[in-house]
Amino acid sequence: MKLPPLLAAICLTGAAVSASAADPDLGRNLAATCASCHGTNGKAVPGAGMDALAGMEKEKLLQKLKDFKSGTKPATVMQQISKGYTDEQMDRIAAYFAAQK
């Protein structure tokens, strides 16, 4: 049986979403891209001028990410970085950093 291209694309998209939802380390893996500026696990170097993300309230961090993405909060780099994440990915990143102490 040959699947129509649209049905095949829908099936592949569903499989990709299921795979990402099943990955318990996805938040940590996505947050790893933040380490070069915000420190390992969000523990910024004191006096370096970057916000520490570790332990920040999830909703507060998520709102900051959304503000960067929409352009409401101006930034040099974060506006571009945040545009590369879906809402689900930003939620996972915020949850990861909120869990760090």
C-alpha atoms as a PDB file:
ATOM      1  CA  MET A   1       0.000   0.000   0.000  1.00  0.00           C
ATOM      2  CA  LYS A   2       1.373   3.379  -0.989  1.00  0.00           C
ATOM      3  CA  LEU A   3       0.749   6.287   1.418  1.00  0.00           C
ATOM      4  CA  PRO A   4      -0.105   9.668  -0.046  1.00  0.00           C
ATOM      5  CA  PRO A   5       2.714  12.180   0.605  1.00  0.00           C
ATOM      6  CA  LEU A   6       0.577  14.304   2.959  1.00  0.00           C
ATOM      7  CA  LEU A   7      -0.356  11.304   5.106  1.00  0.00           C
ATOM      8  CA  ALA A   8       3.281  10.191   5.223  1.00  0.00           C
ATOM      9  CA  ALA A   9       4.357  13.684   6.343  1.00  0.00           C
ATOM     10  CA  ILE A  10       1.724  13.721   9.092  1.00  0.00           C
ATOM     11  CA  CYS A  11       2.894  10.307  10.325  1.00  0.00           C
ATOM     12  CA  LEU A  12       6.529  11.425  10.400  1.00  0.00           C
ATOM     13  CA  THR A  13       5.635  14.621  12.270  1.00  0.00           C
ATOM     14  CA  GLY A  14       3.697  12.627  14.842  1.00  0.00           C
ATOM     15  CA  ALA A  15       6.631  10.266  15.326  1.00  0.00           C
ATOM     16  CA  ALA A  16       9.041  13.173  15.834  1.00  0.00           C
ATOM     17  CA  VAL A  17       6.777  14.810  18.429  1.00  0.00           C
ATOM     18  CA  SER A  18       6.386  11.501  20.272  1.00  0.00           C
ATOM     19  CA  ALA A  19      10.147  10.968  20.291  1.00  0.00           C
ATOM     20  CA  SER A  20      10.828  14.420  21.759  1.00  0.00           C
ATOM     21  CA  ALA A  21       8.107  14.011  24.394  1.00  0.00           C
ATOM     22  CA  ALA A  22       9.624  10.695  25.438  1.00  0.00           C
ATOM     23  CA  ASP A  23      13.114  12.146  25.977  1.00  0.00           C
ATOM     24  CA  PRO A  24      13.482  12.911  29.691  1.00  0.00           C
ATOM     25  CA  ASP A  25      16.764  14.754  29.053  1.00  0.00           C
ATOM     26  CA  LEU A  26      15.419  17.106  26.396  1.00  0.00           C
ATOM     27  CA  GLY A  27      15.201  20.098  28.757  1.00  0.00           C
ATOM     28  CA  ARG A  28      18.785  19.582  29.905  1.00  0.00           C
ATOM     29  CA  ASN A  29      20.013  19.096  26.356  1.00  0.00           C
ATOM     30  CA  LEU A  30      18.291  22.246  25.115  1.00  0.00           C
ATOM     31  CA  ALA A  31      19.540  24.234  28.130  1.00  0.00           C
ATOM     32  CA  ALA A  32      23.123  23.214  27.360  1.00  0.00           C
ATOM     33  CA  THR A  33      23.198  25.885  24.651  1.00  0.00           C
ATOM     34  CA  CYS A  34      22.836  28.523  27.385  1.00  0.00           C
ATOM     35  CA  ALA A  35      26.011  27.469  29.223  1.00  0.00           C
ATOM     36  CA  SER A  36      28.456  29.615  27.270  1.00  0.00           C
ATOM     37  CA  CYS A  37      26.812  32.814  28.548  1.00  0.00           C
ATOM     38  CA  HIS A  38      24.860  31.781  31.651  1.00  0.00           C
ATOM     39  CA  GLY A  39      27.256  29.158  33.037  1.00  0.00           C
ATOM     40  CA  THR A  40      27.026  25.415  33.464  1.00  0.00           C
ATOM     41  CA  ASN A  41      23.521  24.457  34.616  1.00  0.00           C
ATOM     42  CA  GLY A  42      22.606  28.152  34.690  1.00  0.00           C
ATOM     43  CA  LYS A  43      25.035  29.005  37.492  1.00  0.00           C
ATOM     44  CA  ALA A  44      26.501  32.191  36.074  1.00  0.00           C
ATOM     45  CA  VAL A  45      29.952  33.360  37.077  1.00  0.00           C
ATOM     46  CA  PRO A  46      29.517  36.115  39.698  1.00  0.00           C
ATOM     47  CA  GLY A  47      30.403  39.523  38.299  1.00  0.00           C
ATOM     48  CA  ALA A  48      30.318  38.357  34.671  1.00  0.00           C
ATOM     49  CA  GLY A  49      27.231  40.431  33.913  1.00  0.00           C
ATOM     50  CA  MET A  50      24.926  37.531  33.011  1.00  0.00           C
ATOM     51  CA  ASP A  51      21.816  36.489  34.896  1.00  0.00           C
ATOM     52  CA  ALA A  52      22.020  33.232  36.845  1.00  0.00           C
ATOM     53  CA  LEU A  53      19.219  31.015  35.535  1.00  0.00           C
ATOM     54  CA  ALA A  54      19.543  28.220  38.088  1.00  0.00           C
ATOM     55  CA  GLY A  55      16.654  28.256  40.523  1.00  0.00           C
ATOM     56  CA  MET A  56      14.778  31.047  38.727  1.00  0.00           C
ATOM     57  CA  GLU A  57      11.007  30.624  38.907  1.00  0.00           C
ATOM     58  CA  LYS A  58       9.833  28.688  35.836  1.00  0.00           C
ATOM     59  CA  GLU A  59       7.065  31.111  34.886  1.00  0.00           C
ATOM     60  CA  LYS A  60       9.376  34.120  35.221  1.00  0.00           C
ATOM     61  CA  LEU A  61      12.029  32.558  32.985  1.00  0.00           C
ATOM     62  CA  LEU A  62       9.444  31.357  30.495  1.00  0.00           C
ATOM     63  CA  GLN A  63       7.992  34.875  30.271  1.00  0.00           C
ATOM     64  CA  LYS A  64      11.473  36.308  29.663  1.00  0.00           C
ATOM     65  CA  LEU A  65      12.040  33.819  26.838  1.00  0.00           C
ATOM     66  CA  LYS A  66       8.676  34.678  25.286  1.00  0.00           C
ATOM     67  CA  ASP A  67       9.435  38.398  25.587  1.00  0.00           C
ATOM     68  CA  PHE A  68      12.777  37.919  23.825  1.00  0.00           C
ATOM     69  CA  LYS A  69      11.107  35.861  21.089  1.00  0.00           C
ATOM     70  CA  SER A  70       8.360  38.420  20.480  1.00  0.00           C
ATOM     71  CA  GLY A  71      10.794  41.344  20.589  1.00  0.00           C
ATOM     72  CA  THR A  72       9.098  42.897  23.637  1.00  0.00           C
ATOM     73  CA  LYS A  73      12.341  42.591  25.605  1.00  0.00           C
ATOM     74  CA  PRO A  74      15.267  43.954  23.593  1.00  0.00           C
ATOM     75  CA  ALA A  75      18.507  41.999  23.515  1.00  0.00           C
ATOM     76  CA  THR A  76      21.526  41.573  21.316  1.00  0.00           C
ATOM     77  CA  VAL A  77      21.663  37.779  21.150  1.00  0.00           C
ATOM     78  CA  MET A  78      18.652  36.371  23.009  1.00  0.00           C
ATOM     79  CA  GLN A  79      16.094  37.574  20.462  1.00  0.00           C
ATOM     80  CA  GLN A  80      17.717  35.420  17.800  1.00  0.00           C
ATOM     81  CA  ILE A  81      18.329  32.412  20.057  1.00  0.00           C
ATOM     82  CA  SER A  82      14.775  32.361  21.415  1.00  0.00           C
ATOM     83  CA  LYS A  83      13.294  32.436  17.902  1.00  0.00           C
ATOM     84  CA  GLY A  84      14.876  29.025  17.325  1.00  0.00           C
ATOM     85  CA  TYR A  85      12.780  27.368  20.054  1.00  0.00           C
ATOM     86  CA  THR A  86       9.188  26.201  20.038  1.00  0.00           C
ATOM     87  CA  ASP A  87       6.927  27.059  22.981  1.00  0.00           C
ATOM     88  CA  GLU A  88       7.275  23.467  24.231  1.00  0.00           C
ATOM     89  CA  GLN A  89      11.065  23.659  24.073  1.00  0.00           C
ATOM     90  CA  MET A  90      11.107  26.967  25.962  1.00  0.00           C
ATOM     91  CA  ASP A  91       8.832  25.415  28.586  1.00  0.00           C
ATOM     92  CA  ARG A  92      11.270  22.517  29.017  1.00  0.00           C
ATOM     93  CA  ILE A  93      14.255  24.862  29.265  1.00  0.00           C
ATOM     94  CA  ALA A  94      12.501  26.984  31.903  1.00  0.00           C
ATOM     95  CA  ALA A  95      11.519  23.865  33.863  1.00  0.00           C
ATOM     96  CA  TYR A  96      15.085  22.572  33.736  1.00  0.00           C
ATOM     97  CA  PHE A  97      16.598  25.783  35.091  1.00  0.00           C
ATOM     98  CA  ALA A  98      13.885  26.155  37.742  1.00  0.00           C
ATOM     99  CA  ALA A  99      14.844  22.702  39.064  1.00  0.00           C
ATOM    100  CA  GLN A 100      18.528  23.650  39.401  1.00  0.00           C
ATOM    101  CA  LYS A 101      19.762  24.906  42.763  1.00  0.00           C
END
